[in-house]
Amino acid sequence: MDVEYASHCSYRIRYHMVFVVKYRKKLLLERTRLEFLRAVMHGLSERYFFKFDAIGIDGDHFHVVVGAAPRYSPSEIMKTIKSWSARLIFQKYPYLRDELWGGEFWSDGGHIDTVSEYGGLEKIKKYVQDQGRNLHQLKLSKF
């Protein structure tokens, strides 16, 4: 992960964020939705200068590894991603409103972790990219 520069500072910030579909409905199963969300994230990266390192979906939730300038708080980044993506999803797939009464695509809240290259950025990116794939599940054991 490279150091990035803003007008008055340098920074190296990455977040792993998870957003859950309202009512845990499995509305992200189609691979075309992943491509659509990628296009939405590309638009956000151009508009807000976010840097998306990884994007993944798994039926009822959406993972991103995203970097942004320090002027954006993690909650602002989450709010921006959720509001823009929901608006554009409902424009492209209007029939989803029938599944989600109340006009919201995402559940309230979400999950945010900070990630660094020293704290497993590559592992988190791989985890996010592997979402939705049937991988052999690891089991924990005592040692």
N, C-alpha and C. Protein backbone atom coordinates (compact mmCIF):
# COMPACT_ATOMS: atom_id res chain seq x y z
N MET A 1 0.86 -1.16 0.00
CA MET A 1 0.00 0.00 0.00
C MET A 1 0.90 1.22 0.00
N ASP A 2 0.71 2.06 -0.98
CA ASP A 2 1.55 3.25 -1.11
C ASP A 2 1.03 4.40 -0.26
N VAL A 3 1.95 5.28 0.08
CA VAL A 3 1.56 6.52 0.76
C VAL A 3 0.88 7.40 -0.28
N GLU A 4 -0.24 8.00 0.10
CA GLU A 4 -0.97 8.88 -0.80
C GLU A 4 -0.85 10.30 -0.27
N TYR A 5 -1.10 11.26 -1.14
CA TYR A 5 -0.89 12.66 -0.78
C TYR A 5 -2.15 13.47 -1.03
N ALA A 6 -2.48 14.31 -0.07
CA ALA A 6 -3.54 15.30 -0.22
C ALA A 6 -2.86 16.67 -0.24
N SER A 7 -3.63 17.72 -0.25
CA SER A 7 -3.03 19.06 -0.37
C SER A 7 -2.10 19.40 0.78
N HIS A 8 -2.41 18.96 1.99
CA HIS A 8 -1.59 19.34 3.14
C HIS A 8 -1.13 18.17 3.99
N CYS A 9 -1.22 16.96 3.48
CA CYS A 9 -0.79 15.82 4.29
C CYS A 9 -0.50 14.61 3.41
N SER A 10 0.14 13.66 4.02
CA SER A 10 0.30 12.35 3.39
C SER A 10 -0.39 11.35 4.31
N TYR A 11 -0.86 10.24 3.73
CA TYR A 11 -1.62 9.28 4.52
C TYR A 11 -1.55 7.90 3.90
N ARG A 12 -1.87 6.92 4.71
CA ARG A 12 -1.94 5.52 4.30
C ARG A 12 -3.08 4.91 5.11
N ILE A 13 -4.31 5.05 4.62
CA ILE A 13 -5.50 4.65 5.36
C ILE A 13 -6.30 3.66 4.52
N ARG A 14 -6.68 2.53 5.13
CA ARG A 14 -7.56 1.56 4.49
C ARG A 14 -8.56 1.05 5.52
N TYR A 15 -9.79 0.84 5.05
CA TYR A 15 -10.86 0.29 5.89
C TYR A 15 -11.44 -0.93 5.21
N HIS A 16 -11.79 -1.92 6.02
CA HIS A 16 -12.59 -3.06 5.56
C HIS A 16 -14.00 -2.79 6.07
N MET A 17 -14.96 -2.63 5.15
CA MET A 17 -16.34 -2.31 5.52
C MET A 17 -17.26 -3.41 5.03
N VAL A 18 -18.29 -3.69 5.83
CA VAL A 18 -19.29 -4.69 5.47
C VAL A 18 -20.67 -4.05 5.61
N PHE A 19 -21.47 -4.19 4.56
CA PHE A 19 -22.84 -3.69 4.54
C PHE A 19 -23.77 -4.87 4.36
N VAL A 20 -24.86 -4.91 5.11
CA VAL A 20 -25.81 -6.02 5.05
C VAL A 20 -27.09 -5.55 4.38
N VAL A 21 -27.63 -6.38 3.48
CA VAL A 21 -28.89 -6.08 2.82
C VAL A 21 -30.00 -6.10 3.87
N LYS A 22 -30.95 -5.18 3.74
CA LYS A 22 -32.07 -5.07 4.66
C LYS A 22 -32.78 -6.41 4.79
N TYR A 23 -33.11 -6.79 6.00
CA TYR A 23 -33.79 -8.04 6.35
C TYR A 23 -32.97 -9.27 5.96
N ARG A 24 -31.68 -9.08 5.71
CA ARG A 24 -30.78 -10.18 5.32
C ARG A 24 -31.28 -10.93 4.09
N LYS A 25 -31.98 -10.23 3.22
CA LYS A 25 -32.46 -10.85 1.98
C LYS A 25 -31.28 -11.15 1.08
N LYS A 26 -31.31 -12.29 0.44
CA LYS A 26 -30.20 -12.72 -0.42
C LYS A 26 -30.40 -12.15 -1.83
N LEU A 27 -30.19 -10.85 -1.94
CA LEU A 27 -30.42 -10.15 -3.20
C LEU A 27 -29.15 -9.89 -3.99
N LEU A 28 -28.02 -10.35 -3.48
CA LEU A 28 -26.74 -10.11 -4.17
C LEU A 28 -26.16 -11.39 -4.76
N LEU A 29 -27.02 -12.37 -5.03
CA LEU A 29 -26.53 -13.65 -5.53
C LEU A 29 -26.10 -13.60 -6.99
N GLU A 30 -26.73 -12.76 -7.79
CA GLU A 30 -26.39 -12.70 -9.22
C GLU A 30 -25.03 -12.04 -9.41
N ARG A 31 -24.18 -12.65 -10.22
CA ARG A 31 -22.84 -12.09 -10.48
C ARG A 31 -22.94 -10.75 -11.20
N THR A 32 -24.03 -10.52 -11.93
CA THR A 32 -24.18 -9.23 -12.60
C THR A 32 -24.28 -8.10 -11.58
N ARG A 33 -24.80 -8.41 -10.40
CA ARG A 33 -24.90 -7.37 -9.37
C ARG A 33 -23.51 -6.99 -8.86
N LEU A 34 -22.59 -7.96 -8.80
CA LEU A 34 -21.22 -7.64 -8.40
C LEU A 34 -20.60 -6.69 -9.43
N GLU A 35 -20.80 -6.99 -10.70
CA GLU A 35 -20.25 -6.11 -11.75
C GLU A 35 -20.89 -4.73 -11.67
N PHE A 36 -22.18 -4.68 -11.39
CA PHE A 36 -22.84 -3.38 -11.25
C PHE A 36 -22.28 -2.62 -10.05
N LEU A 37 -22.10 -3.30 -8.92
CA LEU A 37 -21.54 -2.64 -7.73
C LEU A 37 -20.10 -2.19 -7.99
N ARG A 38 -19.35 -2.95 -8.77
CA ARG A 38 -18.00 -2.52 -9.15
C ARG A 38 -18.06 -1.21 -9.93
N ALA A 39 -19.00 -1.12 -10.85
CA ALA A 39 -19.14 0.11 -11.63
C ALA A 39 -19.54 1.28 -10.74
N VAL A 40 -20.43 1.03 -9.78
CA VAL A 40 -20.83 2.08 -8.84
C VAL A 40 -19.62 2.54 -8.03
N MET A 41 -18.81 1.58 -7.54
CA MET A 41 -17.63 1.93 -6.74
C MET A 41 -16.62 2.69 -7.59
N HIS A 42 -16.52 2.33 -8.87
CA HIS A 42 -15.62 3.07 -9.77
C HIS A 42 -16.07 4.52 -9.88
N GLY A 43 -17.37 4.73 -10.01
CA GLY A 43 -17.90 6.09 -10.06
C GLY A 43 -17.62 6.86 -8.78
N LEU A 44 -17.77 6.19 -7.63
CA LEU A 44 -17.48 6.84 -6.35
C LEU A 44 -16.00 7.18 -6.22
N SER A 45 -15.15 6.30 -6.76
CA SER A 45 -13.71 6.57 -6.66
C SER A 45 -13.34 7.81 -7.47
N GLU A 46 -14.01 8.00 -8.59
CA GLU A 46 -13.73 9.20 -9.39
C GLU A 46 -14.30 10.46 -8.76
N ARG A 47 -15.47 10.34 -8.16
CA ARG A 47 -16.14 11.52 -7.60
C ARG A 47 -15.55 11.95 -6.26
N TYR A 48 -15.25 10.97 -5.39
CA TYR A 48 -14.79 11.28 -4.03
C TYR A 48 -13.32 10.95 -3.80
N PHE A 49 -12.65 10.43 -4.81
CA PHE A 49 -11.24 10.04 -4.71
C PHE A 49 -11.04 8.92 -3.69
N PHE A 50 -12.04 8.02 -3.57
CA PHE A 50 -11.86 6.82 -2.76
C PHE A 50 -11.01 5.86 -3.57
N LYS A 51 -10.29 4.99 -2.88
CA LYS A 51 -9.48 3.97 -3.56
C LYS A 51 -9.98 2.61 -3.11
N PHE A 52 -10.61 1.87 -4.01
CA PHE A 52 -11.15 0.55 -3.69
C PHE A 52 -10.10 -0.50 -4.05
N ASP A 53 -9.66 -1.26 -3.05
CA ASP A 53 -8.67 -2.31 -3.26
C ASP A 53 -9.31 -3.66 -3.52
N ALA A 54 -10.49 -3.90 -2.95
CA ALA A 54 -11.18 -5.18 -3.13
C ALA A 54 -12.67 -4.98 -2.89
N ILE A 55 -13.46 -5.75 -3.63
CA ILE A 55 -14.91 -5.72 -3.51
C ILE A 55 -15.39 -7.16 -3.57
N GLY A 56 -16.33 -7.53 -2.69
CA GLY A 56 -16.88 -8.89 -2.71
C GLY A 56 -18.30 -8.92 -2.18
N ILE A 57 -19.10 -9.86 -2.71
CA ILE A 57 -20.46 -10.02 -2.24
C ILE A 57 -20.69 -11.48 -1.87
N ASP A 58 -21.62 -11.70 -0.95
CA ASP A 58 -21.96 -13.06 -0.56
C ASP A 58 -23.45 -13.12 -0.22
N GLY A 59 -24.28 -13.03 -1.22
CA GLY A 59 -25.71 -13.20 -1.04
C GLY A 59 -26.41 -12.06 -0.35
N ASP A 60 -26.14 -11.89 0.94
CA ASP A 60 -26.87 -10.88 1.70
C ASP A 60 -25.98 -9.80 2.29
N HIS A 61 -24.71 -9.78 1.93
CA HIS A 61 -23.84 -8.71 2.41
C HIS A 61 -22.75 -8.39 1.39
N PHE A 62 -22.15 -7.21 1.58
CA PHE A 62 -21.22 -6.63 0.62
C PHE A 62 -19.99 -6.17 1.37
N HIS A 63 -18.80 -6.59 0.92
CA HIS A 63 -17.53 -6.22 1.54
C HIS A 63 -16.77 -5.28 0.61
N VAL A 64 -16.09 -4.29 1.19
CA VAL A 64 -15.16 -3.46 0.43
C VAL A 64 -13.93 -3.20 1.28
N VAL A 65 -12.80 -3.11 0.62
CA VAL A 65 -11.59 -2.58 1.23
C VAL A 65 -11.36 -1.26 0.52
N VAL A 66 -11.45 -0.17 1.27
CA VAL A 66 -11.45 1.16 0.67
C VAL A 66 -10.52 2.09 1.42
N GLY A 67 -9.86 2.94 0.68
CA GLY A 67 -9.03 3.99 1.27
C GLY A 67 -9.60 5.34 0.90
N ALA A 68 -9.38 6.30 1.78
CA ALA A 68 -9.87 7.66 1.52
C ALA A 68 -8.99 8.65 2.26
N ALA A 69 -9.03 9.88 1.81
CA ALA A 69 -8.27 10.94 2.47
C ALA A 69 -8.78 11.14 3.90
N PRO A 70 -7.93 11.64 4.78
CA PRO A 70 -8.33 11.82 6.18
C PRO A 70 -9.47 12.81 6.39
N ARG A 71 -9.81 13.59 5.38
CA ARG A 71 -10.92 14.53 5.54
C ARG A 71 -12.26 13.81 5.64
N TYR A 72 -12.31 12.53 5.23
CA TYR A 72 -13.52 11.73 5.33
C TYR A 72 -13.43 10.82 6.55
N SER A 73 -14.41 10.90 7.42
CA SER A 73 -14.46 9.97 8.55
C SER A 73 -14.95 8.62 8.03
N PRO A 74 -14.65 7.54 8.75
CA PRO A 74 -15.15 6.22 8.32
C PRO A 74 -16.67 6.19 8.17
N SER A 75 -17.39 6.86 9.07
CA SER A 75 -18.85 6.86 8.96
C SER A 75 -19.33 7.63 7.73
N GLU A 76 -18.61 8.69 7.34
CA GLU A 76 -18.97 9.42 6.11
C GLU A 76 -18.75 8.55 4.88
N ILE A 77 -17.66 7.80 4.88
CA ILE A 77 -17.37 6.90 3.76
C ILE A 77 -18.48 5.86 3.65
N MET A 78 -18.84 5.26 4.79
CA MET A 78 -19.89 4.24 4.81
C MET A 78 -21.21 4.83 4.33
N LYS A 79 -21.56 6.00 4.82
CA LYS A 79 -22.82 6.65 4.43
C LYS A 79 -22.84 6.94 2.93
N THR A 80 -21.73 7.42 2.40
CA THR A 80 -21.64 7.74 0.98
C THR A 80 -21.80 6.49 0.12
N ILE A 81 -21.08 5.43 0.48
CA ILE A 81 -21.16 4.19 -0.29
C ILE A 81 -22.57 3.62 -0.24
N LYS A 82 -23.15 3.56 0.95
CA LYS A 82 -24.48 2.98 1.10
C LYS A 82 -25.55 3.80 0.38
N SER A 83 -25.51 5.10 0.52
CA SER A 83 -26.58 5.91 -0.09
C SER A 83 -26.50 5.90 -1.61
N TRP A 84 -25.30 6.09 -2.17
CA TRP A 84 -25.15 6.10 -3.63
C TRP A 84 -25.48 4.73 -4.22
N SER A 85 -24.96 3.67 -3.60
CA SER A 85 -25.19 2.33 -4.16
C SER A 85 -26.67 1.97 -4.08
N ALA A 86 -27.35 2.28 -2.98
CA ALA A 86 -28.78 1.96 -2.85
C ALA A 86 -29.59 2.70 -3.91
N ARG A 87 -29.31 3.97 -4.08
CA ARG A 87 -30.04 4.77 -5.06
C ARG A 87 -29.87 4.18 -6.47
N LEU A 88 -28.64 3.84 -6.82
CA LEU A 88 -28.38 3.32 -8.17
C LEU A 88 -28.89 1.90 -8.35
N ILE A 89 -28.85 1.09 -7.29
CA ILE A 89 -29.41 -0.27 -7.37
C ILE A 89 -30.91 -0.20 -7.64
N PHE A 90 -31.62 0.67 -6.91
CA PHE A 90 -33.06 0.79 -7.12
C PHE A 90 -33.39 1.36 -8.50
N GLN A 91 -32.52 2.19 -9.05
CA GLN A 91 -32.75 2.69 -10.41
C GLN A 91 -32.60 1.57 -11.44
N LYS A 92 -31.56 0.75 -11.26
CA LYS A 92 -31.29 -0.32 -12.23
C LYS A 92 -32.22 -1.52 -12.04
N TYR A 93 -32.54 -1.85 -10.79
CA TYR A 93 -33.37 -3.01 -10.47
C TYR A 93 -34.60 -2.55 -9.67
N PRO A 94 -35.56 -1.86 -10.29
CA PRO A 94 -36.69 -1.30 -9.53
C PRO A 94 -37.56 -2.37 -8.87
N TYR A 95 -37.57 -3.59 -9.40
CA TYR A 95 -38.38 -4.66 -8.81
C TYR A 95 -37.89 -5.06 -7.42
N LEU A 96 -36.67 -4.68 -7.05
CA LEU A 96 -36.17 -5.01 -5.71
C LEU A 96 -36.91 -4.25 -4.62
N ARG A 97 -37.54 -3.14 -4.98
CA ARG A 97 -38.35 -2.40 -3.99
C ARG A 97 -39.48 -3.26 -3.45
N ASP A 98 -39.99 -4.19 -4.27
CA ASP A 98 -41.06 -5.09 -3.81
C ASP A 98 -40.56 -6.04 -2.73
N GLU A 99 -39.29 -6.41 -2.81
CA GLU A 99 -38.69 -7.30 -1.80
C GLU A 99 -38.39 -6.55 -0.50
N LEU A 100 -38.09 -5.27 -0.62
CA LEU A 100 -37.63 -4.48 0.52
C LEU A 100 -38.60 -3.33 0.76
N TRP A 101 -39.64 -3.56 1.50
CA TRP A 101 -40.58 -2.49 1.80
C TRP A 101 -39.88 -1.45 2.67
N GLY A 102 -40.29 -0.24 2.57
CA GLY A 102 -39.68 0.83 3.36
C GLY A 102 -38.66 1.65 2.59
N GLY A 103 -38.30 1.23 1.38
CA GLY A 103 -37.43 2.04 0.54
C GLY A 103 -35.95 2.03 0.87
N GLU A 104 -35.50 1.12 1.71
CA GLU A 104 -34.07 1.05 2.05
C GLU A 104 -33.50 -0.26 1.52
N PHE A 105 -32.31 -0.18 0.94
CA PHE A 105 -31.65 -1.39 0.45
C PHE A 105 -30.77 -2.00 1.53
N TRP A 106 -30.01 -1.16 2.23
CA TRP A 106 -29.07 -1.64 3.24
C TRP A 106 -29.67 -1.55 4.64
N SER A 107 -29.27 -2.48 5.50
CA SER A 107 -29.64 -2.39 6.92
C SER A 107 -28.94 -1.20 7.54
N ASP A 108 -29.47 -0.73 8.65
CA ASP A 108 -28.81 0.35 9.37
C ASP A 108 -27.45 -0.14 9.87
N GLY A 109 -26.51 0.76 9.96
CA GLY A 109 -25.18 0.43 10.49
C GLY A 109 -24.35 -0.36 9.51
N GLY A 110 -23.40 -1.09 10.04
CA GLY A 110 -22.47 -1.86 9.24
C GLY A 110 -21.27 -2.21 10.10
N HIS A 111 -20.21 -2.67 9.48
CA HIS A 111 -18.99 -3.04 10.20
C HIS A 111 -17.81 -2.34 9.55
N ILE A 112 -16.91 -1.81 10.37
CA ILE A 112 -15.71 -1.14 9.87
C ILE A 112 -14.51 -1.65 10.66
N ASP A 113 -13.47 -2.04 9.94
CA ASP A 113 -12.16 -2.37 10.52
C ASP A 113 -11.12 -1.50 9.85
N THR A 114 -10.09 -1.13 10.58
CA THR A 114 -8.95 -0.50 9.94
C THR A 114 -7.98 -1.60 9.53
N VAL A 115 -7.32 -1.39 8.42
CA VAL A 115 -6.42 -2.40 7.86
C VAL A 115 -5.13 -1.70 7.45
N SER A 116 -4.00 -2.36 7.68
CA SER A 116 -2.74 -1.82 7.20
C SER A 116 -1.95 -2.93 6.52
N GLU A 117 -0.94 -2.52 5.78
CA GLU A 117 -0.12 -3.54 5.14
C GLU A 117 0.61 -4.38 6.18
N TYR A 118 0.80 -3.82 7.36
CA TYR A 118 1.47 -4.55 8.43
C TYR A 118 0.49 -5.41 9.21
N GLY A 119 -0.79 -5.12 9.07
CA GLY A 119 -1.81 -5.83 9.83
C GLY A 119 -2.67 -6.75 8.97
N GLY A 120 -2.17 -7.16 7.83
CA GLY A 120 -2.87 -8.16 7.03
C GLY A 120 -3.71 -7.64 5.88
N LEU A 121 -3.31 -6.56 5.24
CA LEU A 121 -4.08 -6.02 4.12
C LEU A 121 -4.30 -7.08 3.04
N GLU A 122 -3.26 -7.80 2.69
CA GLU A 122 -3.38 -8.81 1.62
C GLU A 122 -4.34 -9.92 2.03
N LYS A 123 -4.30 -10.34 3.30
CA LYS A 123 -5.22 -11.38 3.77
C LYS A 123 -6.66 -10.89 3.71
N ILE A 124 -6.89 -9.65 4.12
CA ILE A 124 -8.25 -9.09 4.08
C ILE A 124 -8.72 -8.95 2.64
N LYS A 125 -7.84 -8.49 1.73
CA LYS A 125 -8.22 -8.37 0.32
C LYS A 125 -8.61 -9.73 -0.25
N LYS A 126 -7.85 -10.77 0.08
CA LYS A 126 -8.16 -12.11 -0.40
C LYS A 126 -9.48 -12.59 0.18
N TYR A 127 -9.70 -12.35 1.47
CA TYR A 127 -10.95 -12.73 2.12
C TYR A 127 -12.14 -12.06 1.43
N VAL A 128 -12.02 -10.78 1.14
CA VAL A 128 -13.11 -10.03 0.50
C VAL A 128 -13.34 -10.56 -0.91
N GLN A 129 -12.28 -10.81 -1.66
CA GLN A 129 -12.42 -11.29 -3.03
C GLN A 129 -12.99 -12.70 -3.09
N ASP A 130 -12.79 -13.49 -2.04
CA ASP A 130 -13.29 -14.87 -2.00
C ASP A 130 -14.74 -14.96 -1.52
N GLN A 131 -15.38 -13.85 -1.23
CA GLN A 131 -16.77 -13.88 -0.79
C GLN A 131 -17.63 -14.50 -1.88
N GLY A 132 -18.55 -15.36 -1.46
CA GLY A 132 -19.47 -15.98 -2.41
C GLY A 132 -18.94 -17.23 -3.07
N ARG A 133 -17.72 -17.58 -2.81
CA ARG A 133 -17.14 -18.80 -3.38
C ARG A 133 -17.25 -19.92 -2.36
N ASN A 134 -17.44 -21.13 -2.84
CA ASN A 134 -17.49 -22.28 -1.95
C ASN A 134 -16.08 -22.79 -1.72
N LEU A 135 -15.47 -22.30 -0.67
CA LEU A 135 -14.12 -22.70 -0.33
C LEU A 135 -14.17 -23.68 0.83
N HIS A 136 -13.15 -24.50 0.93
CA HIS A 136 -13.06 -25.42 2.05
C HIS A 136 -12.99 -24.60 3.34
N GLN A 137 -13.92 -24.88 4.25
CA GLN A 137 -13.99 -24.13 5.50
C GLN A 137 -12.93 -24.64 6.47
N LEU A 138 -12.17 -23.72 7.03
CA LEU A 138 -11.18 -24.09 8.03
C LEU A 138 -11.86 -24.29 9.37
N LYS A 139 -11.37 -25.22 10.14
CA LYS A 139 -11.92 -25.46 11.47
C LYS A 139 -10.89 -25.07 12.51
N LEU A 140 -11.36 -24.46 13.56
CA LEU A 140 -10.46 -24.10 14.66
C LEU A 140 -10.24 -25.31 15.54
N SER A 141 -9.05 -25.42 16.04
CA SER A 141 -8.76 -26.50 16.99
C SER A 141 -7.88 -25.94 18.10
N LYS A 142 -7.93 -26.61 19.23
CA LYS A 142 -7.10 -26.18 20.35
C LYS A 142 -5.67 -26.62 20.12
N PHE A 143 -4.74 -25.86 20.65
CA PHE A 143 -3.34 -26.26 20.55
C PHE A 143 -2.66 -26.09 21.87
